[in-house]
Amino acid sequence: METKKNIEILNELISILEDGRVGYTNAAENCEHGKLKTEFLGIARDRSLMVVQLQDEINRLGKSTDATDGPLGVIHRAWIDFKAMITGHDNDAIIEACVTGENAALEKFREALKNDSLTPTLYGIISAQLMSIEKAVARIKAYKNITV
């Protein structure tokens, strides 16, 4: 039963990370600030690596993985596109949209860590990924109010 629960937790986190990867790629496409664009692409790459790490853990638990975009991610990416259209690719608006998405991800990661079924290995991996997301939020917030 614990294995099944852990796989469910990991699949949910994979979906969130995949949404973030696509969201950051989308944000980079809508951003006009060169360094911020590079930051977004770097975070997208980090999300891809996190997905692979969690997929590896699911494989170790004896299941295959199938990462797909979650429904909330589609909504979030649409919000970034919408904000970019309205604001003329306003970097601060894009940053705020990313922070909103990251706050949702942070909540899900913190919730996952409260689950008693997690093995020490899974707890360590999820904790490290949570810290990585927190650091990414701090990095992108540093770009607020910076002109192109």
N, C-alpha and C. Protein backbone atom coordinates (compact mmCIF):
# COMPACT_ATOMS: atom_id res chain seq x y z
N MET A 1 0.82 -1.21 0.00
CA MET A 1 0.00 0.00 0.00
C MET A 1 0.86 1.27 0.00
N GLU A 2 1.96 1.23 0.78
CA GLU A 2 2.83 2.41 0.82
C GLU A 2 3.45 2.68 -0.54
N THR A 3 3.82 1.62 -1.25
CA THR A 3 4.41 1.80 -2.57
C THR A 3 3.43 2.49 -3.49
N LYS A 4 2.18 2.05 -3.47
CA LYS A 4 1.15 2.66 -4.32
C LYS A 4 0.98 4.13 -3.97
N LYS A 5 0.93 4.45 -2.68
CA LYS A 5 0.77 5.84 -2.24
C LYS A 5 1.97 6.69 -2.69
N ASN A 6 3.17 6.14 -2.53
CA ASN A 6 4.37 6.88 -2.93
C ASN A 6 4.38 7.14 -4.44
N ILE A 7 3.94 6.17 -5.21
CA ILE A 7 3.87 6.36 -6.66
C ILE A 7 2.87 7.46 -7.00
N GLU A 8 1.73 7.47 -6.32
CA GLU A 8 0.74 8.54 -6.54
C GLU A 8 1.33 9.91 -6.22
N ILE A 9 2.03 10.00 -5.10
CA ILE A 9 2.66 11.27 -4.70
C ILE A 9 3.66 11.70 -5.76
N LEU A 10 4.52 10.79 -6.17
CA LEU A 10 5.55 11.13 -7.16
C LEU A 10 4.94 11.53 -8.49
N ASN A 11 3.91 10.81 -8.92
CA ASN A 11 3.26 11.18 -10.19
C ASN A 11 2.65 12.58 -10.12
N GLU A 12 2.06 12.92 -8.98
CA GLU A 12 1.49 14.27 -8.84
C GLU A 12 2.60 15.33 -8.90
N LEU A 13 3.71 15.06 -8.23
CA LEU A 13 4.82 16.01 -8.26
C LEU A 13 5.43 16.10 -9.65
N ILE A 14 5.51 14.99 -10.36
CA ILE A 14 6.01 15.01 -11.73
C ILE A 14 5.12 15.90 -12.60
N SER A 15 3.83 15.77 -12.44
CA SER A 15 2.90 16.59 -13.22
C SER A 15 3.12 18.08 -12.93
N ILE A 16 3.30 18.41 -11.67
CA ILE A 16 3.54 19.80 -11.27
C ILE A 16 4.86 20.31 -11.85
N LEU A 17 5.89 19.48 -11.77
CA LEU A 17 7.19 19.87 -12.30
C LEU A 17 7.15 20.03 -13.82
N GLU A 18 6.44 19.15 -14.48
CA GLU A 18 6.31 19.25 -15.94
C GLU A 18 5.56 20.53 -16.32
N ASP A 19 4.51 20.84 -15.56
CA ASP A 19 3.79 22.09 -15.80
C ASP A 19 4.73 23.28 -15.63
N GLY A 20 5.56 23.22 -14.60
CA GLY A 20 6.53 24.30 -14.37
C GLY A 20 7.53 24.41 -15.50
N ARG A 21 8.01 23.28 -15.98
CA ARG A 21 8.97 23.29 -17.09
C ARG A 21 8.37 23.98 -18.31
N VAL A 22 7.17 23.58 -18.66
CA VAL A 22 6.51 24.17 -19.83
C VAL A 22 6.19 25.64 -19.55
N GLY A 23 5.76 25.94 -18.35
CA GLY A 23 5.45 27.32 -17.98
C GLY A 23 6.66 28.24 -18.08
N TYR A 24 7.81 27.76 -17.59
CA TYR A 24 9.02 28.58 -17.65
C TYR A 24 9.51 28.73 -19.09
N THR A 25 9.37 27.70 -19.88
CA THR A 25 9.73 27.80 -21.29
C THR A 25 8.86 28.86 -21.96
N ASN A 26 7.58 28.81 -21.65
CA ASN A 26 6.63 29.79 -22.18
C ASN A 26 6.98 31.20 -21.69
N ALA A 27 7.31 31.31 -20.42
CA ALA A 27 7.68 32.62 -19.87
C ALA A 27 8.92 33.18 -20.59
N ALA A 28 9.88 32.31 -20.87
CA ALA A 28 11.09 32.75 -21.57
C ALA A 28 10.75 33.27 -22.97
N GLU A 29 9.79 32.62 -23.62
CA GLU A 29 9.39 33.06 -24.95
C GLU A 29 8.71 34.43 -24.92
N ASN A 30 8.07 34.75 -23.80
CA ASN A 30 7.34 36.01 -23.68
C ASN A 30 8.16 37.12 -23.02
N CYS A 31 9.34 36.79 -22.57
CA CYS A 31 10.17 37.74 -21.82
C CYS A 31 11.12 38.47 -22.77
N GLU A 32 11.34 39.75 -22.51
CA GLU A 32 12.23 40.53 -23.35
C GLU A 32 13.57 40.86 -22.68
N HIS A 33 13.70 40.51 -21.42
CA HIS A 33 14.94 40.76 -20.67
C HIS A 33 15.86 39.55 -20.84
N GLY A 34 17.02 39.76 -21.45
CA GLY A 34 17.92 38.67 -21.80
C GLY A 34 18.33 37.78 -20.64
N LYS A 35 18.75 38.38 -19.54
CA LYS A 35 19.19 37.57 -18.39
C LYS A 35 18.02 36.84 -17.74
N LEU A 36 16.86 37.48 -17.69
CA LEU A 36 15.68 36.84 -17.12
C LEU A 36 15.24 35.67 -18.01
N LYS A 37 15.31 35.87 -19.31
CA LYS A 37 14.98 34.80 -20.27
C LYS A 37 15.90 33.59 -20.01
N THR A 38 17.19 33.86 -19.83
CA THR A 38 18.14 32.80 -19.55
C THR A 38 17.82 32.12 -18.22
N GLU A 39 17.43 32.90 -17.23
CA GLU A 39 17.04 32.35 -15.93
C GLU A 39 15.84 31.43 -16.07
N PHE A 40 14.83 31.88 -16.81
CA PHE A 40 13.64 31.05 -17.03
C PHE A 40 14.00 29.73 -17.71
N LEU A 41 14.85 29.80 -18.73
CA LEU A 41 15.24 28.58 -19.43
C LEU A 41 16.04 27.64 -18.53
N GLY A 42 16.86 28.21 -17.66
CA GLY A 42 17.62 27.40 -16.70
C GLY A 42 16.70 26.70 -15.71
N ILE A 43 15.69 27.41 -15.24
CA ILE A 43 14.73 26.81 -14.32
C ILE A 43 13.93 25.72 -15.03
N ALA A 44 13.58 25.94 -16.29
CA ALA A 44 12.88 24.92 -17.07
C ALA A 44 13.73 23.66 -17.18
N ARG A 45 15.02 23.84 -17.42
CA ARG A 45 15.94 22.71 -17.50
C ARG A 45 16.02 21.98 -16.16
N ASP A 46 16.09 22.74 -15.08
CA ASP A 46 16.11 22.14 -13.74
C ASP A 46 14.86 21.31 -13.48
N ARG A 47 13.71 21.82 -13.93
CA ARG A 47 12.46 21.08 -13.75
C ARG A 47 12.51 19.76 -14.51
N SER A 48 13.09 19.78 -15.70
CA SER A 48 13.23 18.53 -16.47
C SER A 48 14.07 17.51 -15.71
N LEU A 49 15.15 17.97 -15.12
CA LEU A 49 16.02 17.07 -14.35
C LEU A 49 15.29 16.53 -13.12
N MET A 50 14.49 17.36 -12.49
CA MET A 50 13.71 16.91 -11.33
C MET A 50 12.70 15.84 -11.74
N VAL A 51 12.06 16.04 -12.89
CA VAL A 51 11.10 15.06 -13.40
C VAL A 51 11.79 13.72 -13.59
N VAL A 52 12.94 13.72 -14.23
CA VAL A 52 13.68 12.48 -14.47
C VAL A 52 14.04 11.81 -13.15
N GLN A 53 14.45 12.60 -12.18
CA GLN A 53 14.80 12.05 -10.87
C GLN A 53 13.61 11.34 -10.23
N LEU A 54 12.45 11.95 -10.28
CA LEU A 54 11.26 11.33 -9.69
C LEU A 54 10.80 10.12 -10.52
N GLN A 55 10.93 10.21 -11.84
CA GLN A 55 10.59 9.06 -12.68
C GLN A 55 11.49 7.86 -12.36
N ASP A 56 12.77 8.14 -12.12
CA ASP A 56 13.69 7.07 -11.73
C ASP A 56 13.24 6.39 -10.43
N GLU A 57 12.75 7.19 -9.50
CA GLU A 57 12.28 6.63 -8.23
C GLU A 57 11.02 5.77 -8.44
N ILE A 58 10.14 6.21 -9.31
CA ILE A 58 8.95 5.39 -9.62
C ILE A 58 9.39 4.08 -10.26
N ASN A 59 10.35 4.15 -11.15
CA ASN A 59 10.86 2.92 -11.78
C ASN A 59 11.47 1.99 -10.74
N ARG A 60 12.16 2.55 -9.75
CA ARG A 60 12.72 1.73 -8.67
C ARG A 60 11.62 1.05 -7.85
N LEU A 61 10.47 1.71 -7.80
CA LEU A 61 9.34 1.14 -7.06
C LEU A 61 8.58 0.10 -7.90
N GLY A 62 9.03 -0.11 -9.14
CA GLY A 62 8.46 -1.15 -9.96
C GLY A 62 7.37 -0.73 -10.92
N LYS A 63 7.20 0.54 -11.13
CA LYS A 63 6.17 1.04 -12.06
C LYS A 63 6.84 1.85 -13.15
N SER A 64 6.16 1.92 -14.30
CA SER A 64 6.64 2.79 -15.38
C SER A 64 6.00 4.16 -15.20
N THR A 65 6.58 5.15 -15.84
CA THR A 65 6.10 6.52 -15.68
C THR A 65 5.58 7.06 -17.00
N ASP A 66 4.69 8.04 -16.86
CA ASP A 66 4.12 8.72 -18.02
C ASP A 66 3.80 10.15 -17.59
N ALA A 67 4.77 11.05 -17.74
CA ALA A 67 4.56 12.44 -17.33
C ALA A 67 3.75 13.17 -18.39
N THR A 68 2.69 13.80 -17.95
CA THR A 68 1.87 14.62 -18.84
C THR A 68 1.59 15.94 -18.14
N ASP A 69 1.23 16.92 -18.93
CA ASP A 69 0.86 18.19 -18.35
C ASP A 69 -0.39 18.02 -17.51
N GLY A 70 -0.39 18.64 -16.35
CA GLY A 70 -1.58 18.62 -15.51
C GLY A 70 -2.54 19.71 -15.93
N PRO A 71 -3.81 19.60 -15.56
CA PRO A 71 -4.79 20.60 -15.97
C PRO A 71 -4.52 21.98 -15.40
N LEU A 72 -3.97 22.05 -14.19
CA LEU A 72 -3.68 23.37 -13.60
C LEU A 72 -2.54 24.05 -14.35
N GLY A 73 -1.60 23.26 -14.85
CA GLY A 73 -0.49 23.84 -15.61
C GLY A 73 -0.97 24.47 -16.90
N VAL A 74 -1.89 23.85 -17.57
CA VAL A 74 -2.45 24.41 -18.80
C VAL A 74 -3.09 25.76 -18.51
N ILE A 75 -3.83 25.82 -17.42
CA ILE A 75 -4.47 27.08 -17.02
C ILE A 75 -3.41 28.12 -16.69
N HIS A 76 -2.37 27.72 -15.96
CA HIS A 76 -1.32 28.66 -15.57
C HIS A 76 -0.58 29.20 -16.79
N ARG A 77 -0.26 28.32 -17.75
CA ARG A 77 0.43 28.79 -18.96
C ARG A 77 -0.45 29.73 -19.76
N ALA A 78 -1.73 29.45 -19.81
CA ALA A 78 -2.65 30.35 -20.49
C ALA A 78 -2.65 31.71 -19.82
N TRP A 79 -2.57 31.72 -18.50
CA TRP A 79 -2.52 32.97 -17.74
C TRP A 79 -1.27 33.76 -18.09
N ILE A 80 -0.12 33.08 -18.21
CA ILE A 80 1.11 33.77 -18.60
C ILE A 80 0.96 34.38 -19.99
N ASP A 81 0.40 33.62 -20.94
CA ASP A 81 0.18 34.14 -22.29
C ASP A 81 -0.73 35.35 -22.26
N PHE A 82 -1.80 35.25 -21.49
CA PHE A 82 -2.77 36.33 -21.39
C PHE A 82 -2.12 37.58 -20.80
N LYS A 83 -1.40 37.41 -19.70
CA LYS A 83 -0.73 38.56 -19.08
C LYS A 83 0.28 39.18 -20.02
N ALA A 84 1.00 38.35 -20.77
CA ALA A 84 2.00 38.88 -21.71
C ALA A 84 1.33 39.70 -22.80
N MET A 85 0.19 39.23 -23.30
CA MET A 85 -0.53 39.97 -24.34
C MET A 85 -1.00 41.31 -23.81
N ILE A 86 -1.59 41.31 -22.64
CA ILE A 86 -2.16 42.53 -22.08
C ILE A 86 -1.08 43.54 -21.71
N THR A 87 -0.01 43.04 -21.13
CA THR A 87 1.01 43.94 -20.59
C THR A 87 2.12 44.23 -21.59
N GLY A 88 2.00 43.73 -22.81
CA GLY A 88 3.06 43.97 -23.78
C GLY A 88 4.35 43.27 -23.37
N HIS A 89 4.22 42.04 -22.92
CA HIS A 89 5.38 41.25 -22.48
C HIS A 89 6.07 41.91 -21.29
N ASP A 90 5.29 42.44 -20.37
CA ASP A 90 5.81 43.07 -19.16
C ASP A 90 6.49 42.03 -18.28
N ASN A 91 7.79 42.21 -18.07
CA ASN A 91 8.56 41.23 -17.31
C ASN A 91 8.03 41.05 -15.89
N ASP A 92 7.65 42.13 -15.22
CA ASP A 92 7.15 42.01 -13.85
C ASP A 92 5.86 41.19 -13.80
N ALA A 93 5.00 41.35 -14.78
CA ALA A 93 3.75 40.58 -14.82
C ALA A 93 4.06 39.10 -15.06
N ILE A 94 5.03 38.82 -15.91
CA ILE A 94 5.42 37.43 -16.17
C ILE A 94 6.03 36.83 -14.91
N ILE A 95 6.86 37.59 -14.22
CA ILE A 95 7.45 37.12 -12.97
C ILE A 95 6.35 36.79 -11.96
N GLU A 96 5.38 37.68 -11.84
CA GLU A 96 4.29 37.44 -10.89
C GLU A 96 3.51 36.18 -11.23
N ALA A 97 3.28 35.95 -12.51
CA ALA A 97 2.58 34.74 -12.93
C ALA A 97 3.41 33.50 -12.58
N CYS A 98 4.72 33.58 -12.76
CA CYS A 98 5.59 32.46 -12.41
C CYS A 98 5.59 32.21 -10.90
N VAL A 99 5.65 33.28 -10.14
CA VAL A 99 5.64 33.15 -8.67
C VAL A 99 4.34 32.52 -8.20
N THR A 100 3.23 32.90 -8.82
CA THR A 100 1.94 32.30 -8.48
C THR A 100 1.98 30.80 -8.72
N GLY A 101 2.50 30.40 -9.86
CA GLY A 101 2.62 28.97 -10.17
C GLY A 101 3.55 28.26 -9.21
N GLU A 102 4.66 28.90 -8.87
CA GLU A 102 5.61 28.29 -7.95
C GLU A 102 5.02 28.15 -6.55
N ASN A 103 4.23 29.13 -6.13
CA ASN A 103 3.61 29.01 -4.82
C ASN A 103 2.69 27.79 -4.75
N ALA A 104 1.98 27.52 -5.82
CA ALA A 104 1.14 26.32 -5.88
C ALA A 104 2.01 25.06 -5.82
N ALA A 105 3.13 25.07 -6.53
CA ALA A 105 4.04 23.93 -6.51
C ALA A 105 4.62 23.72 -5.12
N LEU A 106 5.03 24.81 -4.48
CA LEU A 106 5.59 24.71 -3.13
C LEU A 106 4.58 24.10 -2.16
N GLU A 107 3.35 24.50 -2.29
CA GLU A 107 2.30 23.96 -1.43
C GLU A 107 2.17 22.44 -1.61
N LYS A 108 2.19 21.98 -2.87
CA LYS A 108 2.08 20.54 -3.15
C LYS A 108 3.29 19.78 -2.64
N PHE A 109 4.47 20.35 -2.77
CA PHE A 109 5.68 19.68 -2.27
C PHE A 109 5.67 19.61 -0.75
N ARG A 110 5.26 20.67 -0.09
CA ARG A 110 5.17 20.65 1.38
C ARG A 110 4.13 19.64 1.85
N GLU A 111 3.03 19.57 1.13
CA GLU A 111 1.98 18.60 1.44
C GLU A 111 2.51 17.17 1.29
N ALA A 112 3.27 16.93 0.23
CA ALA A 112 3.83 15.59 -0.01
C ALA A 112 4.76 15.18 1.13
N LEU A 113 5.52 16.12 1.65
CA LEU A 113 6.47 15.81 2.72
C LEU A 113 5.78 15.42 4.03
N LYS A 114 4.53 15.74 4.16
CA LYS A 114 3.78 15.40 5.38
C LYS A 114 3.30 13.95 5.37
N ASN A 115 3.48 13.26 4.24
CA ASN A 115 2.97 11.90 4.10
C ASN A 115 3.89 10.91 4.80
N ASP A 116 3.33 10.11 5.69
CA ASP A 116 4.09 9.13 6.47
C ASP A 116 4.62 7.96 5.65
N SER A 117 4.09 7.76 4.45
CA SER A 117 4.50 6.61 3.65
C SER A 117 5.84 6.82 2.95
N LEU A 118 6.33 8.05 2.90
CA LEU A 118 7.58 8.32 2.18
C LEU A 118 8.76 7.61 2.83
N THR A 119 9.56 6.99 2.00
CA THR A 119 10.80 6.40 2.49
C THR A 119 11.77 7.55 2.79
N PRO A 120 12.80 7.30 3.58
CA PRO A 120 13.79 8.35 3.82
C PRO A 120 14.42 8.88 2.53
N THR A 121 14.63 8.01 1.56
CA THR A 121 15.20 8.43 0.27
C THR A 121 14.26 9.39 -0.44
N LEU A 122 12.98 9.02 -0.53
CA LEU A 122 12.00 9.89 -1.20
C LEU A 122 11.86 11.21 -0.46
N TYR A 123 11.84 11.14 0.86
CA TYR A 123 11.73 12.37 1.66
C TYR A 123 12.90 13.30 1.35
N GLY A 124 14.10 12.73 1.26
CA GLY A 124 15.28 13.54 0.96
C GLY A 124 15.23 14.16 -0.42
N ILE A 125 14.80 13.39 -1.41
CA ILE A 125 14.71 13.90 -2.78
C ILE A 125 13.67 15.01 -2.86
N ILE A 126 12.50 14.78 -2.30
CA ILE A 126 11.43 15.79 -2.36
C ILE A 126 11.83 17.04 -1.60
N SER A 127 12.50 16.87 -0.46
CA SER A 127 12.98 18.03 0.31
C SER A 127 13.97 18.86 -0.49
N ALA A 128 14.89 18.18 -1.16
CA ALA A 128 15.90 18.89 -1.97
C ALA A 128 15.23 19.62 -3.13
N GLN A 129 14.23 18.99 -3.74
CA GLN A 129 13.54 19.64 -4.85
C GLN A 129 12.74 20.84 -4.34
N LEU A 130 12.15 20.72 -3.17
CA LEU A 130 11.43 21.84 -2.56
C LEU A 130 12.38 23.03 -2.37
N MET A 131 13.56 22.76 -1.84
CA MET A 131 14.53 23.84 -1.65
C MET A 131 14.95 24.46 -2.97
N SER A 132 15.08 23.65 -4.01
CA SER A 132 15.44 24.16 -5.33
C SER A 132 14.35 25.10 -5.86
N ILE A 133 13.10 24.72 -5.66
CA ILE A 133 11.99 25.58 -6.10
C ILE A 133 12.00 26.89 -5.32
N GLU A 134 12.23 26.81 -4.01
CA GLU A 134 12.29 28.03 -3.19
C GLU A 134 13.40 28.96 -3.68
N LYS A 135 14.55 28.39 -4.02
CA LYS A 135 15.67 29.20 -4.52
C LYS A 135 15.33 29.83 -5.88
N ALA A 136 14.63 29.07 -6.72
CA ALA A 136 14.23 29.60 -8.03
C ALA A 136 13.30 30.79 -7.87
N VAL A 137 12.37 30.70 -6.93
CA VAL A 137 11.45 31.82 -6.67
C VAL A 137 12.24 33.05 -6.25
N ALA A 138 13.19 32.87 -5.36
CA ALA A 138 14.00 34.01 -4.91
C ALA A 138 14.78 34.62 -6.07
N ARG A 139 15.32 33.76 -6.94
CA ARG A 139 16.09 34.29 -8.08
C ARG A 139 15.22 35.09 -9.02
N ILE A 140 14.04 34.58 -9.35
CA ILE A 140 13.22 35.33 -10.31
C ILE A 140 12.63 36.59 -9.68
N LYS A 141 12.35 36.56 -8.38
CA LYS A 141 11.86 37.76 -7.71
C LYS A 141 12.90 38.88 -7.75
N ALA A 142 14.17 38.52 -7.80
CA ALA A 142 15.25 39.52 -7.84
C ALA A 142 15.19 40.34 -9.12
N TYR A 143 14.51 39.85 -10.14
CA TYR A 143 14.40 40.56 -11.42
C TYR A 143 13.24 41.55 -11.45
N LYS A 144 12.41 41.56 -10.42
CA LYS A 144 11.28 42.50 -10.41
C LYS A 144 11.79 43.94 -10.48
N ASN A 145 11.06 44.72 -11.21
CA ASN A 145 11.32 46.15 -11.36
C ASN A 145 12.64 46.48 -12.05
N ILE A 146 13.21 45.49 -12.75
CA ILE A 146 14.42 45.74 -13.56
C ILE A 146 13.96 46.00 -14.99
N THR A 147 14.44 47.05 -15.58
CA THR A 147 14.05 47.38 -16.95
C THR A 147 14.91 46.59 -17.94
N VAL A 148 14.40 46.48 -19.15
CA VAL A 148 15.07 45.70 -20.21
C VAL A 148 16.37 46.37 -20.58
